[in-house]
Amino acid sequence: MTRIKTNFRGLRALVLHHKGATTERLAGILQRLGLVVQTCDPAEIDATVLPECDLVLFDADEEIAATVLEDLAATRPMIALIANEAPSRLARVVRFRCNSHILKPIRSMGVYSALLLATNGHEQQLQTCREIASLRQRLSGRRTVMKAVLKQMDLTGVDEDTAYEGLRRRAMELRVPIETVARMTLDLSDTEALPSHRRPRKA
């Protein structure tokens, strides 16, 4: 099981919220928890030069440019700051894959919980994506091996077990994964892969 992160000291937090008491209060709470805080008014943010940060807290009640939030949400935990619970506003929170939220007006209670849920939830999402990518790669490799086995069966007339065993032995000889040998087999032309007794005679 993935270790749960409970210490956020040193993390860089970007707060996208218009200037005022709410922003100042949130920044103060985050700083007391050990985070390095940068605040930015959504109306002033440059979509082409986004600040470096480890997590984002954004005002869900503001019409922040979708491109800004999409770019940030792609690689960072997102925490929505919510005052208006209208379905249309909450839909934006869902759309940008928020990992947690904090209700406004901002209070000390709830901020730590939101950080814990957001950072750990985001890490679990990344882990799931890595596992899916690994499974897809393995599935693709198995398909390549099966294609190579079928090609060897067709060219040499051996059965499935013999064709597979031939690929496995070759992989052991070369000290490479069997998927590599399978790709090598598929890359060969039919003429090159034909056994000697089936090669066309020279004129």
N, C-alpha and C. Protein backbone atom coordinates (compact mmCIF):
# COMPACT_ATOMS: atom_id res chain seq x y z
N MET A 1 0.83 -1.19 0.00
CA MET A 1 0.00 0.00 0.00
C MET A 1 0.87 1.25 0.00
N THR A 2 0.50 2.25 -0.80
CA THR A 2 1.26 3.48 -0.89
C THR A 2 1.26 4.21 0.46
N ARG A 3 2.41 4.71 0.84
CA ARG A 3 2.52 5.45 2.10
C ARG A 3 1.76 6.76 2.01
N ILE A 4 0.98 7.05 3.05
CA ILE A 4 0.17 8.27 3.06
C ILE A 4 1.04 9.46 3.44
N LYS A 5 0.99 10.50 2.62
CA LYS A 5 1.78 11.71 2.89
C LYS A 5 1.01 12.59 3.87
N THR A 6 1.65 12.94 4.97
CA THR A 6 0.99 13.77 5.99
C THR A 6 1.75 15.06 6.28
N ASN A 7 2.95 15.18 5.74
CA ASN A 7 3.77 16.38 5.97
C ASN A 7 3.92 17.14 4.66
N PHE A 8 3.49 18.39 4.64
CA PHE A 8 3.50 19.17 3.41
C PHE A 8 4.52 20.30 3.45
N ARG A 9 5.42 20.23 4.40
CA ARG A 9 6.43 21.28 4.54
C ARG A 9 7.30 21.35 3.29
N GLY A 10 7.44 22.56 2.76
CA GLY A 10 8.28 22.77 1.59
C GLY A 10 7.54 22.70 0.27
N LEU A 11 6.32 22.19 0.26
CA LEU A 11 5.56 22.14 -0.99
C LEU A 11 5.21 23.55 -1.45
N ARG A 12 5.25 23.75 -2.77
CA ARG A 12 4.94 25.06 -3.34
C ARG A 12 3.46 25.10 -3.74
N ALA A 13 2.72 25.98 -3.07
CA ALA A 13 1.28 26.09 -3.35
C ALA A 13 1.00 27.36 -4.14
N LEU A 14 0.24 27.21 -5.20
CA LEU A 14 -0.21 28.35 -6.00
C LEU A 14 -1.68 28.59 -5.69
N VAL A 15 -2.00 29.79 -5.21
CA VAL A 15 -3.37 30.16 -4.89
C VAL A 15 -3.88 31.10 -5.98
N LEU A 16 -4.85 30.61 -6.76
CA LEU A 16 -5.46 31.43 -7.81
C LEU A 16 -6.77 31.99 -7.26
N HIS A 17 -6.69 33.21 -6.74
CA HIS A 17 -7.85 33.84 -6.11
C HIS A 17 -7.61 35.34 -6.13
N HIS A 18 -8.69 36.09 -6.32
CA HIS A 18 -8.52 37.54 -6.38
C HIS A 18 -8.00 38.06 -5.04
N LYS A 19 -7.27 39.14 -5.09
CA LYS A 19 -6.63 39.69 -3.89
C LYS A 19 -7.69 40.13 -2.87
N GLY A 20 -7.36 39.90 -1.60
CA GLY A 20 -8.29 40.29 -0.55
C GLY A 20 -8.09 39.46 0.70
N ALA A 21 -9.04 39.57 1.62
CA ALA A 21 -8.92 38.92 2.92
C ALA A 21 -8.90 37.40 2.80
N THR A 22 -9.70 36.84 1.87
CA THR A 22 -9.76 35.38 1.72
C THR A 22 -8.40 34.83 1.30
N THR A 23 -7.79 35.49 0.33
CA THR A 23 -6.48 35.04 -0.15
C THR A 23 -5.43 35.14 0.94
N GLU A 24 -5.44 36.26 1.65
CA GLU A 24 -4.46 36.46 2.72
C GLU A 24 -4.64 35.44 3.84
N ARG A 25 -5.90 35.16 4.19
CA ARG A 25 -6.14 34.19 5.26
C ARG A 25 -5.69 32.79 4.83
N LEU A 26 -6.03 32.39 3.63
CA LEU A 26 -5.64 31.07 3.15
C LEU A 26 -4.12 30.94 3.07
N ALA A 27 -3.47 31.99 2.55
CA ALA A 27 -2.01 31.97 2.45
C ALA A 27 -1.37 31.82 3.83
N GLY A 28 -1.93 32.52 4.81
CA GLY A 28 -1.39 32.43 6.16
C GLY A 28 -1.52 31.03 6.75
N ILE A 29 -2.66 30.39 6.53
CA ILE A 29 -2.88 29.03 7.04
C ILE A 29 -1.91 28.06 6.38
N LEU A 30 -1.75 28.19 5.07
CA LEU A 30 -0.84 27.30 4.34
C LEU A 30 0.60 27.48 4.79
N GLN A 31 0.99 28.72 5.03
CA GLN A 31 2.35 28.99 5.48
C GLN A 31 2.60 28.39 6.86
N ARG A 32 1.60 28.44 7.74
CA ARG A 32 1.76 27.84 9.06
C ARG A 32 1.90 26.32 8.99
N LEU A 33 1.36 25.74 7.92
CA LEU A 33 1.51 24.30 7.70
C LEU A 33 2.82 23.95 7.00
N GLY A 34 3.62 24.98 6.71
CA GLY A 34 4.95 24.75 6.15
C GLY A 34 5.06 24.87 4.65
N LEU A 35 3.99 25.27 3.98
CA LEU A 35 4.03 25.38 2.52
C LEU A 35 4.62 26.72 2.10
N VAL A 36 5.20 26.74 0.92
CA VAL A 36 5.68 27.97 0.29
C VAL A 36 4.56 28.45 -0.62
N VAL A 37 4.03 29.63 -0.36
CA VAL A 37 2.81 30.08 -1.01
C VAL A 37 3.07 31.21 -2.00
N GLN A 38 2.48 31.07 -3.18
CA GLN A 38 2.46 32.14 -4.17
C GLN A 38 1.01 32.40 -4.53
N THR A 39 0.59 33.66 -4.44
CA THR A 39 -0.78 34.02 -4.78
C THR A 39 -0.80 34.75 -6.12
N CYS A 40 -1.89 34.55 -6.85
CA CYS A 40 -2.02 35.17 -8.16
C CYS A 40 -3.48 35.43 -8.45
N ASP A 41 -3.79 36.65 -8.87
CA ASP A 41 -5.15 36.98 -9.27
C ASP A 41 -5.45 36.29 -10.59
N PRO A 42 -6.53 35.52 -10.68
CA PRO A 42 -6.83 34.81 -11.94
C PRO A 42 -6.88 35.71 -13.16
N ALA A 43 -7.28 36.96 -12.98
CA ALA A 43 -7.38 37.88 -14.11
C ALA A 43 -6.00 38.30 -14.62
N GLU A 44 -4.97 38.09 -13.81
CA GLU A 44 -3.64 38.56 -14.17
C GLU A 44 -2.69 37.43 -14.59
N ILE A 45 -3.16 36.18 -14.49
CA ILE A 45 -2.25 35.06 -14.79
C ILE A 45 -2.00 34.95 -16.28
N ASP A 46 -0.76 34.65 -16.62
CA ASP A 46 -0.35 34.48 -18.01
C ASP A 46 -0.41 33.00 -18.35
N ALA A 47 -1.30 32.63 -19.24
CA ALA A 47 -1.49 31.21 -19.58
C ALA A 47 -0.25 30.61 -20.24
N THR A 48 0.62 31.46 -20.79
CA THR A 48 1.80 30.95 -21.49
C THR A 48 2.99 30.75 -20.55
N VAL A 49 2.95 31.38 -19.37
CA VAL A 49 4.05 31.25 -18.40
C VAL A 49 3.44 30.98 -17.03
N LEU A 50 3.13 29.73 -16.76
CA LEU A 50 2.50 29.37 -15.49
C LEU A 50 3.56 29.23 -14.40
N PRO A 51 3.27 29.69 -13.19
CA PRO A 51 4.24 29.60 -12.10
C PRO A 51 4.57 28.15 -11.76
N GLU A 52 5.79 27.93 -11.30
CA GLU A 52 6.19 26.61 -10.83
C GLU A 52 5.51 26.33 -9.49
N CYS A 53 4.88 25.17 -9.36
CA CYS A 53 4.20 24.85 -8.11
C CYS A 53 4.00 23.35 -8.01
N ASP A 54 3.68 22.90 -6.78
CA ASP A 54 3.44 21.48 -6.54
C ASP A 54 1.96 21.16 -6.39
N LEU A 55 1.16 22.17 -6.05
CA LEU A 55 -0.28 21.98 -5.97
C LEU A 55 -0.96 23.33 -6.19
N VAL A 56 -2.24 23.26 -6.56
CA VAL A 56 -2.98 24.46 -6.93
C VAL A 56 -4.28 24.55 -6.14
N LEU A 57 -4.54 25.72 -5.58
CA LEU A 57 -5.82 26.02 -4.96
C LEU A 57 -6.45 27.14 -5.77
N PHE A 58 -7.61 26.89 -6.37
CA PHE A 58 -8.19 27.89 -7.26
C PHE A 58 -9.63 28.22 -6.89
N ASP A 59 -10.02 29.44 -7.19
CA ASP A 59 -11.36 29.94 -6.90
C ASP A 59 -12.33 29.35 -7.92
N ALA A 60 -13.17 28.41 -7.46
CA ALA A 60 -14.13 27.78 -8.36
C ALA A 60 -15.26 28.73 -8.76
N ASP A 61 -15.37 29.87 -8.10
CA ASP A 61 -16.42 30.83 -8.42
C ASP A 61 -15.99 31.85 -9.47
N GLU A 62 -14.70 31.81 -9.83
CA GLU A 62 -14.18 32.72 -10.84
C GLU A 62 -14.07 32.00 -12.18
N GLU A 63 -14.25 32.74 -13.25
CA GLU A 63 -14.13 32.17 -14.60
C GLU A 63 -12.66 32.17 -15.03
N ILE A 64 -11.90 31.28 -14.43
CA ILE A 64 -10.49 31.14 -14.79
C ILE A 64 -10.39 30.44 -16.13
N ALA A 65 -9.48 30.90 -16.97
CA ALA A 65 -9.32 30.32 -18.31
C ALA A 65 -9.15 28.81 -18.23
N ALA A 66 -9.95 28.11 -19.04
CA ALA A 66 -9.91 26.64 -19.03
C ALA A 66 -8.53 26.11 -19.36
N THR A 67 -7.84 26.77 -20.28
CA THR A 67 -6.51 26.29 -20.67
C THR A 67 -5.53 26.34 -19.50
N VAL A 68 -5.68 27.35 -18.65
CA VAL A 68 -4.81 27.48 -17.48
C VAL A 68 -5.04 26.31 -16.53
N LEU A 69 -6.30 26.04 -16.21
CA LEU A 69 -6.61 24.97 -15.27
C LEU A 69 -6.29 23.60 -15.85
N GLU A 70 -6.52 23.42 -17.13
CA GLU A 70 -6.21 22.13 -17.76
C GLU A 70 -4.72 21.84 -17.71
N ASP A 71 -3.91 22.85 -17.99
CA ASP A 71 -2.46 22.66 -17.95
C ASP A 71 -1.98 22.34 -16.55
N LEU A 72 -2.55 23.04 -15.55
CA LEU A 72 -2.14 22.82 -14.17
C LEU A 72 -2.63 21.46 -13.67
N ALA A 73 -3.87 21.11 -14.01
CA ALA A 73 -4.46 19.86 -13.51
C ALA A 73 -3.79 18.63 -14.10
N ALA A 74 -3.10 18.79 -15.21
CA ALA A 74 -2.49 17.63 -15.87
C ALA A 74 -1.43 16.96 -15.00
N THR A 75 -0.76 17.74 -14.16
CA THR A 75 0.37 17.18 -13.42
C THR A 75 0.38 17.53 -11.93
N ARG A 76 -0.65 18.22 -11.44
CA ARG A 76 -0.62 18.67 -10.05
C ARG A 76 -1.94 18.41 -9.34
N PRO A 77 -1.89 18.23 -8.01
CA PRO A 77 -3.14 18.14 -7.25
C PRO A 77 -3.89 19.46 -7.34
N MET A 78 -5.22 19.37 -7.43
CA MET A 78 -6.06 20.57 -7.54
C MET A 78 -7.05 20.62 -6.38
N ILE A 79 -7.13 21.78 -5.73
CA ILE A 79 -8.08 21.99 -4.64
C ILE A 79 -8.97 23.18 -5.02
N ALA A 80 -10.26 22.96 -5.04
CA ALA A 80 -11.20 24.02 -5.40
C ALA A 80 -11.64 24.79 -4.15
N LEU A 81 -11.70 26.10 -4.29
CA LEU A 81 -12.22 26.97 -3.23
C LEU A 81 -13.65 27.31 -3.61
N ILE A 82 -14.62 26.86 -2.82
CA ILE A 82 -16.02 26.92 -3.23
C ILE A 82 -16.85 27.75 -2.25
N ALA A 83 -17.60 28.70 -2.81
CA ALA A 83 -18.59 29.44 -2.03
C ALA A 83 -19.98 29.20 -2.61
N ASN A 84 -20.03 29.13 -3.93
CA ASN A 84 -21.30 28.93 -4.64
C ASN A 84 -21.42 27.46 -5.04
N GLU A 85 -22.43 26.77 -4.47
CA GLU A 85 -22.59 25.35 -4.75
C GLU A 85 -23.60 25.07 -5.87
N ALA A 86 -23.70 26.02 -6.78
CA ALA A 86 -24.56 25.81 -7.94
C ALA A 86 -24.01 24.67 -8.79
N PRO A 87 -24.89 23.84 -9.37
CA PRO A 87 -24.42 22.69 -10.17
C PRO A 87 -23.45 23.08 -11.28
N SER A 88 -23.68 24.21 -11.93
CA SER A 88 -22.80 24.61 -13.02
C SER A 88 -21.39 24.90 -12.52
N ARG A 89 -21.28 25.49 -11.33
CA ARG A 89 -19.97 25.77 -10.76
C ARG A 89 -19.29 24.47 -10.33
N LEU A 90 -20.06 23.59 -9.71
CA LEU A 90 -19.48 22.33 -9.27
C LEU A 90 -19.07 21.45 -10.44
N ALA A 91 -19.77 21.61 -11.57
CA ALA A 91 -19.40 20.85 -12.76
C ALA A 91 -17.99 21.22 -13.21
N ARG A 92 -17.62 22.49 -13.06
CA ARG A 92 -16.26 22.92 -13.42
C ARG A 92 -15.25 22.25 -12.51
N VAL A 93 -15.61 22.10 -11.24
CA VAL A 93 -14.70 21.44 -10.30
C VAL A 93 -14.45 20.00 -10.73
N VAL A 94 -15.51 19.32 -11.13
CA VAL A 94 -15.37 17.93 -11.59
C VAL A 94 -14.58 17.87 -12.88
N ARG A 95 -14.86 18.81 -13.79
CA ARG A 95 -14.23 18.81 -15.10
C ARG A 95 -12.71 18.92 -14.99
N PHE A 96 -12.25 19.68 -14.01
CA PHE A 96 -10.81 19.88 -13.87
C PHE A 96 -10.19 18.91 -12.86
N ARG A 97 -10.88 17.80 -12.62
CA ARG A 97 -10.33 16.69 -11.85
C ARG A 97 -9.78 17.13 -10.49
N CYS A 98 -10.58 17.91 -9.78
CA CYS A 98 -10.14 18.37 -8.46
C CYS A 98 -10.07 17.20 -7.50
N ASN A 99 -9.01 17.19 -6.70
CA ASN A 99 -8.80 16.11 -5.75
C ASN A 99 -9.44 16.39 -4.40
N SER A 100 -9.77 17.67 -4.15
CA SER A 100 -10.41 18.02 -2.89
C SER A 100 -10.96 19.44 -3.01
N HIS A 101 -11.58 19.93 -1.94
CA HIS A 101 -12.12 21.30 -1.97
C HIS A 101 -12.13 21.89 -0.56
N ILE A 102 -12.21 23.20 -0.52
CA ILE A 102 -12.33 23.95 0.74
C ILE A 102 -13.50 24.91 0.57
N LEU A 103 -14.40 24.90 1.54
CA LEU A 103 -15.55 25.81 1.48
C LEU A 103 -15.15 27.20 1.98
N LYS A 104 -15.69 28.21 1.32
CA LYS A 104 -15.51 29.59 1.77
C LYS A 104 -16.74 30.00 2.58
N PRO A 105 -16.58 30.87 3.59
CA PRO A 105 -15.35 31.56 3.98
C PRO A 105 -14.30 30.61 4.56
N ILE A 106 -13.05 30.93 4.31
CA ILE A 106 -11.94 30.07 4.70
C ILE A 106 -11.77 30.06 6.21
N ARG A 107 -11.65 28.87 6.75
CA ARG A 107 -11.33 28.69 8.17
C ARG A 107 -10.15 27.75 8.28
N SER A 108 -9.50 27.76 9.43
CA SER A 108 -8.35 26.87 9.62
C SER A 108 -8.77 25.42 9.49
N MET A 109 -9.92 25.08 10.08
CA MET A 109 -10.40 23.71 10.01
C MET A 109 -10.77 23.33 8.58
N GLY A 110 -10.24 22.24 8.13
CA GLY A 110 -10.55 21.76 6.79
C GLY A 110 -9.43 21.93 5.79
N VAL A 111 -8.52 22.86 6.03
CA VAL A 111 -7.44 23.10 5.07
C VAL A 111 -6.45 21.93 5.06
N TYR A 112 -6.06 21.48 6.25
CA TYR A 112 -5.12 20.35 6.32
C TYR A 112 -5.72 19.11 5.69
N SER A 113 -7.00 18.85 5.99
CA SER A 113 -7.67 17.68 5.41
C SER A 113 -7.69 17.76 3.89
N ALA A 114 -7.96 18.96 3.36
CA ALA A 114 -7.99 19.12 1.90
C ALA A 114 -6.63 18.85 1.29
N LEU A 115 -5.56 19.32 1.96
CA LEU A 115 -4.21 19.06 1.47
C LEU A 115 -3.90 17.57 1.47
N LEU A 116 -4.25 16.90 2.56
CA LEU A 116 -3.97 15.47 2.66
C LEU A 116 -4.72 14.68 1.59
N LEU A 117 -6.00 14.98 1.43
CA LEU A 117 -6.80 14.25 0.44
C LEU A 117 -6.32 14.54 -0.97
N ALA A 118 -5.99 15.81 -1.24
CA ALA A 118 -5.59 16.19 -2.60
C ALA A 118 -4.25 15.58 -2.99
N THR A 119 -3.25 15.71 -2.15
CA THR A 119 -1.91 15.23 -2.51
C THR A 119 -1.88 13.71 -2.60
N ASN A 120 -2.51 13.04 -1.66
CA ASN A 120 -2.51 11.58 -1.69
C ASN A 120 -3.42 11.03 -2.78
N GLY A 121 -4.56 11.69 -2.99
CA GLY A 121 -5.45 11.26 -4.07
C GLY A 121 -4.79 11.41 -5.43
N HIS A 122 -4.07 12.51 -5.62
CA HIS A 122 -3.38 12.75 -6.88
C HIS A 122 -2.28 11.70 -7.10
N GLU A 123 -1.55 11.37 -6.05
CA GLU A 123 -0.49 10.37 -6.17
C GLU A 123 -1.08 9.00 -6.51
N GLN A 124 -2.21 8.67 -5.93
CA GLN A 124 -2.86 7.41 -6.26
C GLN A 124 -3.34 7.39 -7.70
N GLN A 125 -3.81 8.54 -8.20
CA GLN A 125 -4.21 8.63 -9.60
C GLN A 125 -3.02 8.39 -10.51
N LEU A 126 -1.88 9.00 -10.17
CA LEU A 126 -0.68 8.82 -10.98
C LEU A 126 -0.23 7.35 -10.95
N GLN A 127 -0.30 6.72 -9.77
CA GLN A 127 0.08 5.32 -9.64
C GLN A 127 -0.81 4.44 -10.50
N THR A 128 -2.11 4.74 -10.48
CA THR A 128 -3.05 3.97 -11.30
C THR A 128 -2.73 4.13 -12.79
N CYS A 129 -2.41 5.36 -13.19
CA CYS A 129 -2.05 5.61 -14.60
C CYS A 129 -0.79 4.85 -14.98
N ARG A 130 0.18 4.81 -14.08
CA ARG A 130 1.42 4.07 -14.36
C ARG A 130 1.14 2.58 -14.49
N GLU A 131 0.28 2.06 -13.61
CA GLU A 131 -0.05 0.64 -13.67
C GLU A 131 -0.80 0.30 -14.96
N ILE A 132 -1.71 1.18 -15.37
CA ILE A 132 -2.45 0.95 -16.61
C ILE A 132 -1.50 0.96 -17.80
N ALA A 133 -0.57 1.94 -17.80
CA ALA A 133 0.40 2.02 -18.89
C ALA A 133 1.27 0.77 -18.95
N SER A 134 1.65 0.26 -17.76
CA SER A 134 2.46 -0.95 -17.71
C SER A 134 1.69 -2.16 -18.24
N LEU A 135 0.43 -2.26 -17.85
CA LEU A 135 -0.41 -3.37 -18.32
C LEU A 135 -0.61 -3.32 -19.83
N ARG A 136 -0.81 -2.10 -20.35
CA ARG A 136 -0.98 -1.95 -21.79
C ARG A 136 0.29 -2.34 -22.53
N GLN A 137 1.44 -1.97 -21.95
CA GLN A 137 2.71 -2.33 -22.58
C GLN A 137 2.90 -3.84 -22.58
N ARG A 138 2.55 -4.48 -21.46
CA ARG A 138 2.67 -5.94 -21.39
C ARG A 138 1.71 -6.62 -22.36
N LEU A 139 0.49 -6.07 -22.46
CA LEU A 139 -0.48 -6.65 -23.39
C LEU A 139 0.01 -6.52 -24.82
N SER A 140 0.58 -5.34 -25.13
CA SER A 140 1.11 -5.14 -26.47
C SER A 140 2.25 -6.12 -26.75
N GLY A 141 3.09 -6.34 -25.72
CA GLY A 141 4.20 -7.29 -25.88
C GLY A 141 3.70 -8.71 -26.11
N ARG A 142 2.65 -9.10 -25.40
CA ARG A 142 2.09 -10.45 -25.58
C ARG A 142 1.52 -10.61 -26.99
N ARG A 143 0.89 -9.56 -27.49
CA ARG A 143 0.36 -9.62 -28.85
C ARG A 143 1.48 -9.78 -29.87
N THR A 144 2.60 -9.06 -29.62
CA THR A 144 3.75 -9.17 -30.52
C THR A 144 4.32 -10.58 -30.50
N VAL A 145 4.42 -11.17 -29.32
CA VAL A 145 4.93 -12.54 -29.20
C VAL A 145 4.01 -13.51 -29.94
N MET A 146 2.70 -13.33 -29.78
CA MET A 146 1.76 -14.24 -30.44
C MET A 146 1.86 -14.12 -31.96
N LYS A 147 2.02 -12.89 -32.45
CA LYS A 147 2.18 -12.71 -33.90
C LYS A 147 3.44 -13.41 -34.40
N ALA A 148 4.52 -13.30 -33.61
CA ALA A 148 5.78 -13.94 -34.01
C ALA A 148 5.64 -15.46 -33.97
N VAL A 149 4.93 -15.98 -32.97
CA VAL A 149 4.70 -17.43 -32.89
C VAL A 149 3.93 -17.91 -34.11
N LEU A 150 2.87 -17.18 -34.46
CA LEU A 150 2.05 -17.56 -35.62
C LEU A 150 2.87 -17.50 -36.90
N LYS A 151 3.76 -16.50 -37.00
CA LYS A 151 4.59 -16.39 -38.20
C LYS A 151 5.54 -17.58 -38.30
N GLN A 152 6.16 -17.96 -37.18
CA GLN A 152 7.06 -19.11 -37.19
C GLN A 152 6.32 -20.40 -37.51
N MET A 153 5.11 -20.53 -36.97
CA MET A 153 4.30 -21.71 -37.28
C MET A 153 4.01 -21.78 -38.78
N ASP A 154 3.69 -20.64 -39.37
CA ASP A 154 3.35 -20.60 -40.79
C ASP A 154 4.57 -20.89 -41.67
N LEU A 155 5.72 -20.36 -41.27
CA LEU A 155 6.91 -20.49 -42.10
C LEU A 155 7.60 -21.86 -41.96
N THR A 156 7.54 -22.43 -40.76
CA THR A 156 8.30 -23.65 -40.53
C THR A 156 7.44 -24.89 -40.34
N GLY A 157 6.14 -24.70 -40.17
CA GLY A 157 5.26 -25.84 -40.02
C GLY A 157 5.28 -26.48 -38.65
N VAL A 158 5.92 -25.83 -37.66
CA VAL A 158 5.94 -26.39 -36.30
C VAL A 158 4.67 -26.03 -35.57
N ASP A 159 4.45 -26.67 -34.41
CA ASP A 159 3.26 -26.34 -33.63
C ASP A 159 3.53 -25.12 -32.75
N GLU A 160 2.49 -24.67 -32.05
CA GLU A 160 2.58 -23.44 -31.26
C GLU A 160 3.63 -23.54 -30.16
N ASP A 161 3.67 -24.66 -29.44
CA ASP A 161 4.62 -24.80 -28.34
C ASP A 161 6.05 -24.76 -28.85
N THR A 162 6.31 -25.41 -29.97
CA THR A 162 7.66 -25.44 -30.53
C THR A 162 8.09 -24.06 -31.01
N ALA A 163 7.17 -23.35 -31.64
CA ALA A 163 7.48 -22.00 -32.11
C ALA A 163 7.80 -21.08 -30.95
N TYR A 164 6.99 -21.16 -29.90
CA TYR A 164 7.23 -20.32 -28.72
C TYR A 164 8.55 -20.68 -28.06
N GLU A 165 8.83 -21.97 -27.94
CA GLU A 165 10.07 -22.41 -27.31
C GLU A 165 11.27 -21.91 -28.10
N GLY A 166 11.15 -21.87 -29.42
CA GLY A 166 12.24 -21.35 -30.24
C GLY A 166 12.51 -19.88 -29.95
N LEU A 167 11.45 -19.12 -29.81
CA LEU A 167 11.61 -17.70 -29.48
C LEU A 167 12.22 -17.54 -28.09
N ARG A 168 11.77 -18.36 -27.15
CA ARG A 168 12.27 -18.25 -25.78
C ARG A 168 13.75 -18.59 -25.71
N ARG A 169 14.17 -19.64 -26.41
CA ARG A 169 15.59 -20.01 -26.42
C ARG A 169 16.44 -18.91 -27.03
N ARG A 170 15.95 -18.33 -28.12
CA ARG A 170 16.70 -17.26 -28.77
C ARG A 170 16.84 -16.06 -27.85
N ALA A 171 15.79 -15.76 -27.11
CA ALA A 171 15.83 -14.65 -26.16
C ALA A 171 16.86 -14.91 -25.06
N MET A 172 16.93 -16.15 -24.59
CA MET A 172 17.91 -16.51 -23.56
C MET A 172 19.32 -16.40 -24.10
N GLU A 173 19.52 -16.82 -25.36
CA GLU A 173 20.85 -16.74 -25.97
C GLU A 173 21.31 -15.29 -26.10
N LEU A 174 20.38 -14.41 -26.50
CA LEU A 174 20.72 -13.00 -26.68
C LEU A 174 20.63 -12.20 -25.39
N ARG A 175 20.06 -12.83 -24.35
CA ARG A 175 19.86 -12.15 -23.06
C ARG A 175 19.00 -10.89 -23.21
N VAL A 176 17.91 -11.06 -23.90
CA VAL A 176 16.95 -9.96 -24.09
C VAL A 176 15.56 -10.52 -23.82
N PRO A 177 14.58 -9.64 -23.58
CA PRO A 177 13.20 -10.10 -23.38
C PRO A 177 12.68 -10.80 -24.63
N ILE A 178 11.76 -11.74 -24.42
CA ILE A 178 11.21 -12.47 -25.55
C ILE A 178 10.46 -11.54 -26.50
N GLU A 179 9.92 -10.42 -25.96
CA GLU A 179 9.23 -9.46 -26.83
C GLU A 179 10.19 -8.85 -27.85
N THR A 180 11.46 -8.68 -27.45
CA THR A 180 12.46 -8.13 -28.38
C THR A 180 12.72 -9.10 -29.52
N VAL A 181 12.86 -10.38 -29.18
CA VAL A 181 13.08 -11.40 -30.21
C VAL A 181 11.86 -11.49 -31.12
N ALA A 182 10.67 -11.35 -30.54
CA ALA A 182 9.44 -11.41 -31.34
C ALA A 182 9.42 -10.27 -32.35
N ARG A 183 9.80 -9.07 -31.91
CA ARG A 183 9.84 -7.92 -32.84
C ARG A 183 10.88 -8.15 -33.93
N MET A 184 12.03 -8.71 -33.55
CA MET A 184 13.07 -9.01 -34.54
C MET A 184 12.54 -10.00 -35.57
N THR A 185 11.80 -10.99 -35.10
CA THR A 185 11.25 -12.00 -36.00
C THR A 185 10.26 -11.38 -36.98
N LEU A 186 9.42 -10.50 -36.47
CA LEU A 186 8.42 -9.87 -37.33
C LEU A 186 9.05 -8.89 -38.30
N ASP A 187 10.20 -8.31 -37.91
CA ASP A 187 10.87 -7.34 -38.78
C ASP A 187 11.57 -8.01 -39.96
N LEU A 188 11.90 -9.29 -39.82
CA LEU A 188 12.57 -10.00 -40.90
C LEU A 188 11.60 -10.17 -42.07
N SER A 189 12.15 -10.15 -43.26
CA SER A 189 11.31 -10.44 -44.43
C SER A 189 11.00 -11.92 -44.46
N ASP A 190 9.94 -12.32 -45.14
CA ASP A 190 9.56 -13.73 -45.24
C ASP A 190 10.69 -14.55 -45.84
N THR A 191 11.39 -13.97 -46.81
CA THR A 191 12.48 -14.71 -47.45
C THR A 191 13.59 -15.00 -46.47
N GLU A 192 13.93 -13.98 -45.63
CA GLU A 192 14.99 -14.16 -44.66
C GLU A 192 14.61 -15.16 -43.59
N ALA A 193 13.30 -15.24 -43.28
CA ALA A 193 12.85 -16.10 -42.19
C ALA A 193 12.62 -17.54 -42.64
N LEU A 194 12.57 -17.78 -43.97
CA LEU A 194 12.30 -19.13 -44.45
C LEU A 194 13.45 -20.07 -44.10
N PRO A 195 13.15 -21.29 -43.64
CA PRO A 195 14.22 -22.26 -43.42
C PRO A 195 14.83 -22.68 -44.74
N SER A 196 16.03 -23.23 -44.68
CA SER A 196 16.80 -23.52 -45.89
C SER A 196 16.05 -24.43 -46.88
N HIS A 197 15.27 -25.42 -46.35
CA HIS A 197 14.65 -26.36 -47.27
C HIS A 197 13.47 -25.75 -48.01
N ARG A 198 13.08 -24.53 -47.63
CA ARG A 198 11.96 -23.89 -48.31
C ARG A 198 12.36 -22.66 -49.11
N ARG A 199 13.67 -22.36 -49.11
CA ARG A 199 14.13 -21.19 -49.85
C ARG A 199 13.99 -21.45 -51.35
N PRO A 200 13.59 -20.45 -52.11
CA PRO A 200 13.47 -20.64 -53.56
C PRO A 200 14.84 -20.92 -54.17
N ARG A 201 14.87 -21.81 -55.15
CA ARG A 201 16.13 -22.12 -55.82
C ARG A 201 16.55 -21.00 -56.75
N LYS A 202 17.87 -20.86 -56.85
CA LYS A 202 18.39 -19.88 -57.78
C LYS A 202 18.25 -20.39 -59.21
N ALA A 203 18.02 -19.45 -60.11
CA ALA A 203 17.84 -19.84 -61.53
C ALA A 203 19.18 -20.30 -62.09
